[in-house]
Amino acid sequence: MIKPPRYSRLQAAMLLLLVLVASASWLQACDAASGFCAGKCSVRCGGARGACMRSCGLCCEECNCVPTGAHGGNECPCYRDMLTAGPRKRPKCP
């Protein structure tokens, strides 16, 4: 029977530290993306909050961009071309 390798406490502590540092870096990257989208969407939605901000935030997270003007043109095709689900396909992103 093969015995699994035994790790010293130092090796286990180092592994745990490595996992914590890696997860913290990943969470920081996610927060940065959310801050980017929140800033861009607040400009795009203007004074309108609620549904506009939610839709814009979802589209921004998926496309990693938000067009600046009301008619984004070719600035962010992913955002522009996203459609709702169902039989009536409407633009998903405000």
PDB file of N, CA and C in Angstrom:
ATOM      1  N   MET A   1       0.842  -1.172   0.000  1.00  0.00           N
ATOM      2  CA  MET A   1       0.000   0.000   0.000  1.00  0.00           C
ATOM      3  C   MET A   1       0.898   1.250   0.000  1.00  0.00           C
ATOM      4  N   ILE A   2       0.591   2.186  -0.850  1.00  0.00           N
ATOM      5  CA  ILE A   2       1.378   3.410  -0.963  1.00  0.00           C
ATOM      6  C   ILE A   2       0.870   4.417   0.053  1.00  0.00           C
ATOM      7  N   LYS A   3       1.771   4.965   0.816  1.00  0.00           N
ATOM      8  CA  LYS A   3       1.404   5.962   1.814  1.00  0.00           C
ATOM      9  C   LYS A   3       1.467   7.349   1.181  1.00  0.00           C
ATOM     10  N   PRO A   4       0.491   8.207   1.490  1.00  0.00           N
ATOM     11  CA  PRO A   4       0.550   9.575   0.961  1.00  0.00           C
ATOM     12  C   PRO A   4       1.712  10.322   1.602  1.00  0.00           C
ATOM     13  N   PRO A   5       2.266  11.298   0.893  1.00  0.00           N
ATOM     14  CA  PRO A   5       3.401  12.035   1.463  1.00  0.00           C
ATOM     15  C   PRO A   5       2.968  12.828   2.688  1.00  0.00           C
ATOM     16  N   ARG A   6       3.835  12.898   3.660  1.00  0.00           N
ATOM     17  CA  ARG A   6       3.558  13.659   4.877  1.00  0.00           C
ATOM     18  C   ARG A   6       4.259  15.013   4.747  1.00  0.00           C
ATOM     19  N   TYR A   7       3.516  16.024   5.031  1.00  0.00           N
ATOM     20  CA  TYR A   7       4.066  17.370   4.952  1.00  0.00           C
ATOM     21  C   TYR A   7       4.411  17.856   6.346  1.00  0.00           C
ATOM     22  N   SER A   8       5.455  18.610   6.424  1.00  0.00           N
ATOM     23  CA  SER A   8       5.804  19.218   7.705  1.00  0.00           C
ATOM     24  C   SER A   8       4.856  20.384   7.960  1.00  0.00           C
ATOM     25  N   ARG A   9       4.818  20.865   9.157  1.00  0.00           N
ATOM     26  CA  ARG A   9       3.943  21.999   9.485  1.00  0.00           C
ATOM     27  C   ARG A   9       4.364  23.246   8.714  1.00  0.00           C
ATOM     28  N   LEU A  10       5.650  23.396   8.499  1.00  0.00           N
ATOM     29  CA  LEU A  10       6.137  24.547   7.743  1.00  0.00           C
ATOM     30  C   LEU A  10       5.645  24.493   6.299  1.00  0.00           C
ATOM     31  N   GLN A  11       5.706  23.327   5.685  1.00  0.00           N
ATOM     32  CA  GLN A  11       5.225  23.180   4.305  1.00  0.00           C
ATOM     33  C   GLN A  11       3.726  23.436   4.224  1.00  0.00           C
ATOM     34  N   ALA A  12       2.975  22.943   5.187  1.00  0.00           N
ATOM     35  CA  ALA A  12       1.521  23.155   5.204  1.00  0.00           C
ATOM     36  C   ALA A  12       1.199  24.634   5.381  1.00  0.00           C
ATOM     37  N   ALA A  13       1.943  25.310   6.262  1.00  0.00           N
ATOM     38  CA  ALA A  13       1.714  26.735   6.486  1.00  0.00           C
ATOM     39  C   ALA A  13       2.050  27.543   5.237  1.00  0.00           C
ATOM     40  N   MET A  14       3.124  27.179   4.560  1.00  0.00           N
ATOM     41  CA  MET A  14       3.506  27.874   3.336  1.00  0.00           C
ATOM     42  C   MET A  14       2.455  27.674   2.239  1.00  0.00           C
ATOM     43  N   LEU A  15       1.923  26.474   2.131  1.00  0.00           N
ATOM     44  CA  LEU A  15       0.884  26.194   1.142  1.00  0.00           C
ATOM     45  C   LEU A  15      -0.368  27.010   1.436  1.00  0.00           C
ATOM     46  N   LEU A  16      -0.761  27.065   2.711  1.00  0.00           N
ATOM     47  CA  LEU A  16      -1.930  27.855   3.100  1.00  0.00           C
ATOM     48  C   LEU A  16      -1.711  29.337   2.796  1.00  0.00           C
ATOM     49  N   LEU A  17      -0.529  29.837   3.081  1.00  0.00           N
ATOM     50  CA  LEU A  17      -0.210  31.236   2.794  1.00  0.00           C
ATOM     51  C   LEU A  17      -0.276  31.526   1.296  1.00  0.00           C
ATOM     52  N   LEU A  18       0.237  30.605   0.500  1.00  0.00           N
ATOM     53  CA  LEU A  18       0.196  30.767  -0.956  1.00  0.00           C
ATOM     54  C   LEU A  18      -1.242  30.810  -1.465  1.00  0.00           C
ATOM     55  N   VAL A  19      -2.091  29.954  -0.938  1.00  0.00           N
ATOM     56  CA  VAL A  19      -3.500  29.938  -1.344  1.00  0.00           C
ATOM     57  C   VAL A  19      -4.185  31.244  -0.946  1.00  0.00           C
ATOM     58  N   LEU A  20      -3.913  31.742   0.253  1.00  0.00           N
ATOM     59  CA  LEU A  20      -4.525  33.000   0.694  1.00  0.00           C
ATOM     60  C   LEU A  20      -4.091  34.184  -0.160  1.00  0.00           C
ATOM     61  N   VAL A  21      -2.813  34.245  -0.488  1.00  0.00           N
ATOM     62  CA  VAL A  21      -2.310  35.348  -1.321  1.00  0.00           C
ATOM     63  C   VAL A  21      -2.919  35.276  -2.721  1.00  0.00           C
ATOM     64  N   ALA A  22      -3.004  34.080  -3.281  1.00  0.00           N
ATOM     65  CA  ALA A  22      -3.584  33.923  -4.620  1.00  0.00           C
ATOM     66  C   ALA A  22      -5.051  34.329  -4.628  1.00  0.00           C
ATOM     67  N   SER A  23      -5.819  33.931  -3.605  1.00  0.00           N
ATOM     68  CA  SER A  23      -7.237  34.274  -3.577  1.00  0.00           C
ATOM     69  C   SER A  23      -7.429  35.772  -3.359  1.00  0.00           C
ATOM     70  N   ALA A  24      -6.579  36.412  -2.560  1.00  0.00           N
ATOM     71  CA  ALA A  24      -6.686  37.856  -2.337  1.00  0.00           C
ATOM     72  C   ALA A  24      -6.422  38.619  -3.633  1.00  0.00           C
ATOM     73  N   SER A  25      -5.451  38.172  -4.422  1.00  0.00           N
ATOM     74  CA  SER A  25      -5.148  38.821  -5.697  1.00  0.00           C
ATOM     75  C   SER A  25      -6.327  38.708  -6.647  1.00  0.00           C
ATOM     76  N   TRP A  26      -6.955  37.553  -6.672  1.00  0.00           N
ATOM     77  CA  TRP A  26      -8.095  37.332  -7.552  1.00  0.00           C
ATOM     78  C   TRP A  26      -9.263  38.212  -7.140  1.00  0.00           C
ATOM     79  N   LEU A  27      -9.540  38.305  -5.836  1.00  0.00           N
ATOM     80  CA  LEU A  27     -10.645  39.137  -5.369  1.00  0.00           C
ATOM     81  C   LEU A  27     -10.384  40.611  -5.661  1.00  0.00           C
ATOM     82  N   GLN A  28      -9.143  41.047  -5.549  1.00  0.00           N
ATOM     83  CA  GLN A  28      -8.811  42.441  -5.843  1.00  0.00           C
ATOM     84  C   GLN A  28      -9.046  42.750  -7.314  1.00  0.00           C
ATOM     85  N   ALA A  29      -8.716  41.817  -8.201  1.00  0.00           N
ATOM     86  CA  ALA A  29      -8.945  42.016  -9.632  1.00  0.00           C
ATOM     87  C   ALA A  29     -10.435  42.121  -9.921  1.00  0.00           C
ATOM     88  N   CYS A  30     -11.257  41.306  -9.245  1.00  0.00           N
ATOM     89  CA  CYS A  30     -12.710  41.372  -9.436  1.00  0.00           C
ATOM     90  C   CYS A  30     -13.262  42.705  -8.954  1.00  0.00           C
ATOM     91  N   ASP A  31     -12.781  43.194  -7.804  1.00  0.00           N
ATOM     92  CA  ASP A  31     -13.245  44.473  -7.297  1.00  0.00           C
ATOM     93  C   ASP A  31     -12.867  45.611  -8.237  1.00  0.00           C
ATOM     94  N   ALA A  32     -11.682  45.537  -8.830  1.00  0.00           N
ATOM     95  CA  ALA A  32     -11.248  46.579  -9.761  1.00  0.00           C
ATOM     96  C   ALA A  32     -12.155  46.606 -10.980  1.00  0.00           C
ATOM     97  N   ALA A  33     -12.521  45.425 -11.483  1.00  0.00           N
ATOM     98  CA  ALA A  33     -13.411  45.368 -12.641  1.00  0.00           C
ATOM     99  C   ALA A  33     -14.772  45.956 -12.290  1.00  0.00           C
ATOM    100  N   SER A  34     -15.282  45.656 -11.101  1.00  0.00           N
ATOM    101  CA  SER A  34     -16.574  46.179 -10.685  1.00  0.00           C
ATOM    102  C   SER A  34     -16.533  47.688 -10.547  1.00  0.00           C
ATOM    103  N   GLY A  35     -15.437  48.228 -10.032  1.00  0.00           N
ATOM    104  CA  GLY A  35     -15.296  49.675  -9.918  1.00  0.00           C
ATOM    105  C   GLY A  35     -15.263  50.332 -11.282  1.00  0.00           C
ATOM    106  N   PHE A  36     -14.592  49.698 -12.231  1.00  0.00           N
ATOM    107  CA  PHE A  36     -14.549  50.198 -13.601  1.00  0.00           C
ATOM    108  C   PHE A  36     -15.964  50.271 -14.160  1.00  0.00           C
ATOM    109  N   CYS A  37     -16.707  49.178 -14.008  1.00  0.00           N
ATOM    110  CA  CYS A  37     -18.061  49.132 -14.560  1.00  0.00           C
ATOM    111  C   CYS A  37     -18.987  50.115 -13.859  1.00  0.00           C
ATOM    112  N   ALA A  38     -18.861  50.243 -12.554  1.00  0.00           N
ATOM    113  CA  ALA A  38     -19.728  51.173 -11.822  1.00  0.00           C
ATOM    114  C   ALA A  38     -19.499  52.603 -12.295  1.00  0.00           C
ATOM    115  N   GLY A  39     -18.247  52.973 -12.497  1.00  0.00           N
ATOM    116  CA  GLY A  39     -17.938  54.324 -12.968  1.00  0.00           C
ATOM    117  C   GLY A  39     -18.461  54.582 -14.365  1.00  0.00           C
ATOM    118  N   LYS A  40     -18.213  53.636 -15.268  1.00  0.00           N
ATOM    119  CA  LYS A  40     -18.665  53.801 -16.655  1.00  0.00           C
ATOM    120  C   LYS A  40     -20.191  53.815 -16.738  1.00  0.00           C
ATOM    121  N   CYS A  41     -20.848  52.929 -15.973  1.00  0.00           N
ATOM    122  CA  CYS A  41     -22.307  52.841 -16.035  1.00  0.00           C
ATOM    123  C   CYS A  41     -22.984  54.049 -15.399  1.00  0.00           C
ATOM    124  N   SER A  42     -22.374  54.634 -14.371  1.00  0.00           N
ATOM    125  CA  SER A  42     -22.982  55.825 -13.776  1.00  0.00           C
ATOM    126  C   SER A  42     -22.956  56.982 -14.767  1.00  0.00           C
ATOM    127  N   VAL A  43     -21.906  57.047 -15.589  1.00  0.00           N
ATOM    128  CA  VAL A  43     -21.851  58.083 -16.628  1.00  0.00           C
ATOM    129  C   VAL A  43     -22.881  57.771 -17.706  1.00  0.00           C
ATOM    130  N   ARG A  44     -22.953  56.510 -18.112  1.00  0.00           N
ATOM    131  CA  ARG A  44     -23.870  56.125 -19.192  1.00  0.00           C
ATOM    132  C   ARG A  44     -25.332  56.297 -18.788  1.00  0.00           C
ATOM    133  N   CYS A  45     -25.674  55.903 -17.553  1.00  0.00           N
ATOM    134  CA  CYS A  45     -27.071  55.967 -17.099  1.00  0.00           C
ATOM    135  C   CYS A  45     -27.456  57.356 -16.602  1.00  0.00           C
ATOM    136  N   GLY A  46     -26.481  58.214 -16.370  1.00  0.00           N
ATOM    137  CA  GLY A  46     -26.783  59.574 -15.908  1.00  0.00           C
ATOM    138  C   GLY A  46     -27.491  59.545 -14.569  1.00  0.00           C
ATOM    139  N   GLY A  47     -28.612  60.215 -14.482  1.00  0.00           N
ATOM    140  CA  GLY A  47     -29.369  60.264 -13.232  1.00  0.00           C
ATOM    141  C   GLY A  47     -30.207  59.026 -12.993  1.00  0.00           C
ATOM    142  N   ALA A  48     -30.440  58.240 -14.030  1.00  0.00           N
ATOM    143  CA  ALA A  48     -31.273  57.046 -13.886  1.00  0.00           C
ATOM    144  C   ALA A  48     -30.514  55.976 -13.124  1.00  0.00           C
ATOM    145  N   ARG A  49     -31.129  55.412 -12.133  1.00  0.00           N
ATOM    146  CA  ARG A  49     -30.516  54.343 -11.343  1.00  0.00           C
ATOM    147  C   ARG A  49     -31.390  53.098 -11.469  1.00  0.00           C
ATOM    148  N   GLY A  50     -31.128  52.113 -10.705  1.00  0.00           N
ATOM    149  CA  GLY A  50     -31.952  50.910 -10.677  1.00  0.00           C
ATOM    150  C   GLY A  50     -31.714  50.015 -11.868  1.00  0.00           C
ATOM    151  N   ALA A  51     -32.738  49.898 -12.716  1.00  0.00           N
ATOM    152  CA  ALA A  51     -32.687  48.957 -13.841  1.00  0.00           C
ATOM    153  C   ALA A  51     -31.562  49.289 -14.814  1.00  0.00           C
ATOM    154  N   CYS A  52     -31.347  50.561 -15.085  1.00  0.00           N
ATOM    155  CA  CYS A  52     -30.282  50.958 -16.014  1.00  0.00           C
ATOM    156  C   CYS A  52     -28.924  50.525 -15.475  1.00  0.00           C
ATOM    157  N   MET A  53     -28.672  50.800 -14.208  1.00  0.00           N
ATOM    158  CA  MET A  53     -27.382  50.445 -13.611  1.00  0.00           C
ATOM    159  C   MET A  53     -27.191  48.936 -13.554  1.00  0.00           C
ATOM    160  N   ARG A  54     -28.253  48.194 -13.221  1.00  0.00           N
ATOM    161  CA  ARG A  54     -28.141  46.730 -13.171  1.00  0.00           C
ATOM    162  C   ARG A  54     -27.833  46.157 -14.541  1.00  0.00           C
ATOM    163  N   SER A  55     -28.581  46.578 -15.550  1.00  0.00           N
ATOM    164  CA  SER A  55     -28.375  46.062 -16.910  1.00  0.00           C
ATOM    165  C   SER A  55     -26.999  46.455 -17.434  1.00  0.00           C
ATOM    166  N   CYS A  56     -26.639  47.704 -17.239  1.00  0.00           N
ATOM    167  CA  CYS A  56     -25.344  48.181 -17.712  1.00  0.00           C
ATOM    168  C   CYS A  56     -24.216  47.423 -17.017  1.00  0.00           C
ATOM    169  N   GLY A  57     -24.354  47.199 -15.710  1.00  0.00           N
ATOM    170  CA  GLY A  57     -23.332  46.479 -14.959  1.00  0.00           C
ATOM    171  C   GLY A  57     -23.141  45.061 -15.457  1.00  0.00           C
ATOM    172  N   LEU A  58     -24.243  44.362 -15.735  1.00  0.00           N
ATOM    173  CA  LEU A  58     -24.155  43.000 -16.258  1.00  0.00           C
ATOM    174  C   LEU A  58     -23.495  42.976 -17.629  1.00  0.00           C
ATOM    175  N   CYS A  59     -23.888  43.908 -18.482  1.00  0.00           N
ATOM    176  CA  CYS A  59     -23.304  43.970 -19.826  1.00  0.00           C
ATOM    177  C   CYS A  59     -21.825  44.317 -19.760  1.00  0.00           C
ATOM    178  N   CYS A  60     -21.469  45.252 -18.889  1.00  0.00           N
ATOM    179  CA  CYS A  60     -20.079  45.667 -18.758  1.00  0.00           C
ATOM    180  C   CYS A  60     -19.211  44.527 -18.245  1.00  0.00           C
ATOM    181  N   GLU A  61     -19.711  43.775 -17.257  1.00  0.00           N
ATOM    182  CA  GLU A  61     -18.934  42.663 -16.717  1.00  0.00           C
ATOM    183  C   GLU A  61     -18.662  41.619 -17.796  1.00  0.00           C
ATOM    184  N   GLU A  62     -19.635  41.398 -18.672  1.00  0.00           N
ATOM    185  CA  GLU A  62     -19.451  40.404 -19.725  1.00  0.00           C
ATOM    186  C   GLU A  62     -18.577  40.921 -20.867  1.00  0.00           C
ATOM    187  N   CYS A  63     -18.755  42.180 -21.232  1.00  0.00           N
ATOM    188  CA  CYS A  63     -18.051  42.733 -22.402  1.00  0.00           C
ATOM    189  C   CYS A  63     -16.760  43.458 -22.051  1.00  0.00           C
ATOM    190  N   ASN A  64     -16.583  43.833 -20.793  1.00  0.00           N
ATOM    191  CA  ASN A  64     -15.415  44.596 -20.349  1.00  0.00           C
ATOM    192  C   ASN A  64     -15.314  45.955 -21.028  1.00  0.00           C
ATOM    193  N   CYS A  65     -16.448  46.509 -21.408  1.00  0.00           N
ATOM    194  CA  CYS A  65     -16.459  47.861 -21.970  1.00  0.00           C
ATOM    195  C   CYS A  65     -17.869  48.425 -21.904  1.00  0.00           C
ATOM    196  N   VAL A  66     -17.955  49.740 -21.965  1.00  0.00           N
ATOM    197  CA  VAL A  66     -19.228  50.458 -22.016  1.00  0.00           C
ATOM    198  C   VAL A  66     -19.031  51.613 -22.986  1.00  0.00           C
ATOM    199  N   PRO A  67     -19.899  51.742 -23.995  1.00  0.00           N
ATOM    200  CA  PRO A  67     -19.762  52.871 -24.925  1.00  0.00           C
ATOM    201  C   PRO A  67     -19.976  54.197 -24.201  1.00  0.00           C
ATOM    202  N   THR A  68     -19.312  55.231 -24.658  1.00  0.00           N
ATOM    203  CA  THR A  68     -19.402  56.519 -23.980  1.00  0.00           C
ATOM    204  C   THR A  68     -20.669  57.284 -24.328  1.00  0.00           C
ATOM    205  N   GLY A  69     -21.033  57.350 -25.585  1.00  0.00           N
ATOM    206  CA  GLY A  69     -22.205  58.121 -25.985  1.00  0.00           C
ATOM    207  C   GLY A  69     -23.482  57.308 -25.965  1.00  0.00           C
ATOM    208  N   ALA A  70     -24.596  57.963 -26.236  1.00  0.00           N
ATOM    209  CA  ALA A  70     -25.881  57.278 -26.274  1.00  0.00           C
ATOM    210  C   ALA A  70     -25.925  56.251 -27.407  1.00  0.00           C
ATOM    211  N   HIS A  71     -25.253  56.557 -28.491  1.00  0.00           N
ATOM    212  CA  HIS A  71     -25.155  55.626 -29.612  1.00  0.00           C
ATOM    213  C   HIS A  71     -23.701  55.207 -29.726  1.00  0.00           C
ATOM    214  N   GLY A  72     -23.391  54.029 -29.136  1.00  0.00           N
ATOM    215  CA  GLY A  72     -22.008  53.579 -29.020  1.00  0.00           C
ATOM    216  C   GLY A  72     -21.319  53.272 -30.324  1.00  0.00           C
ATOM    217  N   GLY A  73     -22.083  53.019 -31.373  1.00  0.00           N
ATOM    218  CA  GLY A  73     -21.475  52.721 -32.657  1.00  0.00           C
ATOM    219  C   GLY A  73     -20.580  51.504 -32.586  1.00  0.00           C
ATOM    220  N   ASN A  74     -19.382  51.636 -33.103  1.00  0.00           N
ATOM    221  CA  ASN A  74     -18.450  50.518 -33.115  1.00  0.00           C
ATOM    222  C   ASN A  74     -17.505  50.524 -31.926  1.00  0.00           C
ATOM    223  N   GLU A  75     -17.744  51.395 -30.978  1.00  0.00           N
ATOM    224  CA  GLU A  75     -16.867  51.527 -29.827  1.00  0.00           C
ATOM    225  C   GLU A  75     -16.840  50.252 -28.971  1.00  0.00           C
ATOM    226  N   CYS A  76     -17.983  49.607 -28.809  1.00  0.00           N
ATOM    227  CA  CYS A  76     -18.092  48.397 -27.987  1.00  0.00           C
ATOM    228  C   CYS A  76     -19.144  47.479 -28.607  1.00  0.00           C
ATOM    229  N   PRO A  77     -18.798  46.722 -29.659  1.00  0.00           N
ATOM    230  CA  PRO A  77     -19.790  45.915 -30.365  1.00  0.00           C
ATOM    231  C   PRO A  77     -20.443  44.845 -29.494  1.00  0.00           C
ATOM    232  N   CYS A  78     -19.709  44.268 -28.556  1.00  0.00           N
ATOM    233  CA  CYS A  78     -20.285  43.256 -27.668  1.00  0.00           C
ATOM    234  C   CYS A  78     -21.456  43.852 -26.890  1.00  0.00           C
ATOM    235  N   TYR A  79     -21.255  45.021 -26.323  1.00  0.00           N
ATOM    236  CA  TYR A  79     -22.279  45.717 -25.544  1.00  0.00           C
ATOM    237  C   TYR A  79     -23.467  46.078 -26.443  1.00  0.00           C
ATOM    238  N   ARG A  80     -23.167  46.593 -27.617  1.00  0.00           N
ATOM    239  CA  ARG A  80     -24.200  47.042 -28.558  1.00  0.00           C
ATOM    240  C   ARG A  80     -25.062  45.894 -29.061  1.00  0.00           C
ATOM    241  N   ASP A  81     -24.455  44.726 -29.303  1.00  0.00           N
ATOM    242  CA  ASP A  81     -25.165  43.620 -29.955  1.00  0.00           C
ATOM    243  C   ASP A  81     -25.811  42.627 -28.997  1.00  0.00           C
ATOM    244  N   MET A  82     -25.683  42.809 -27.694  1.00  0.00           N
ATOM    245  CA  MET A  82     -26.275  41.882 -26.738  1.00  0.00           C
ATOM    246  C   MET A  82     -27.800  42.010 -26.763  1.00  0.00           C
ATOM    247  N   LEU A  83     -28.502  40.870 -26.863  1.00  0.00           N
ATOM    248  CA  LEU A  83     -29.959  40.864 -26.951  1.00  0.00           C
ATOM    249  C   LEU A  83     -30.564  40.092 -25.786  1.00  0.00           C
ATOM    250  N   THR A  84     -31.829  40.411 -25.476  1.00  0.00           N
ATOM    251  CA  THR A  84     -32.541  39.702 -24.417  1.00  0.00           C
ATOM    252  C   THR A  84     -32.921  38.304 -24.891  1.00  0.00           C
ATOM    253  N   ALA A  85     -33.204  37.424 -23.933  1.00  0.00           N
ATOM    254  CA  ALA A  85     -33.642  36.070 -24.260  1.00  0.00           C
ATOM    255  C   ALA A  85     -35.141  36.094 -24.567  1.00  0.00           C
ATOM    256  N   GLY A  86     -35.631  35.045 -25.177  1.00  0.00           N
ATOM    257  CA  GLY A  86     -37.053  34.943 -25.466  1.00  0.00           C
ATOM    258  C   GLY A  86     -37.375  35.196 -26.923  1.00  0.00           C
ATOM    259  N   PRO A  87     -38.654  35.132 -27.242  1.00  0.00           N
ATOM    260  CA  PRO A  87     -39.053  35.294 -28.651  1.00  0.00           C
ATOM    261  C   PRO A  87     -38.850  36.716 -29.184  1.00  0.00           C
ATOM    262  N   ARG A  88     -39.030  37.720 -28.322  1.00  0.00           N
ATOM    263  CA  ARG A  88     -38.809  39.104 -28.770  1.00  0.00           C
ATOM    264  C   ARG A  88     -37.405  39.509 -28.400  1.00  0.00           C
ATOM    265  N   LYS A  89     -36.546  39.535 -29.362  1.00  0.00           N
ATOM    266  CA  LYS A  89     -35.138  39.921 -29.136  1.00  0.00           C
ATOM    267  C   LYS A  89     -35.030  41.434 -29.130  1.00  0.00           C
ATOM    268  N   ARG A  90     -34.736  41.975 -27.964  1.00  0.00           N
ATOM    269  CA  ARG A  90     -34.554  43.415 -27.831  1.00  0.00           C
ATOM    270  C   ARG A  90     -33.147  43.695 -27.327  1.00  0.00           C
ATOM    271  N   PRO A  91     -32.634  44.885 -27.520  1.00  0.00           N
ATOM    272  CA  PRO A  91     -31.309  45.199 -26.984  1.00  0.00           C
ATOM    273  C   PRO A  91     -31.315  45.032 -25.452  1.00  0.00           C
ATOM    274  N   LYS A  92     -30.316  44.338 -24.940  1.00  0.00           N
ATOM    275  CA  LYS A  92     -30.249  44.068 -23.510  1.00  0.00           C
ATOM    276  C   LYS A  92     -29.595  45.204 -22.745  1.00  0.00           C
ATOM    277  N   CYS A  93     -28.630  45.846 -23.354  1.00  0.00           N
ATOM    278  CA  CYS A  93     -27.821  46.833 -22.661  1.00  0.00           C
ATOM    279  C   CYS A  93     -28.331  48.250 -22.937  1.00  0.00           C
ATOM    280  N   PRO A  94     -28.450  49.054 -21.863  1.00  0.00           N
ATOM    281  CA  PRO A  94     -28.952  50.425 -22.055  1.00  0.00           C
ATOM    282  C   PRO A  94     -27.920  51.341 -22.703  1.00  0.00           C
TER     283      PRO A  94
END
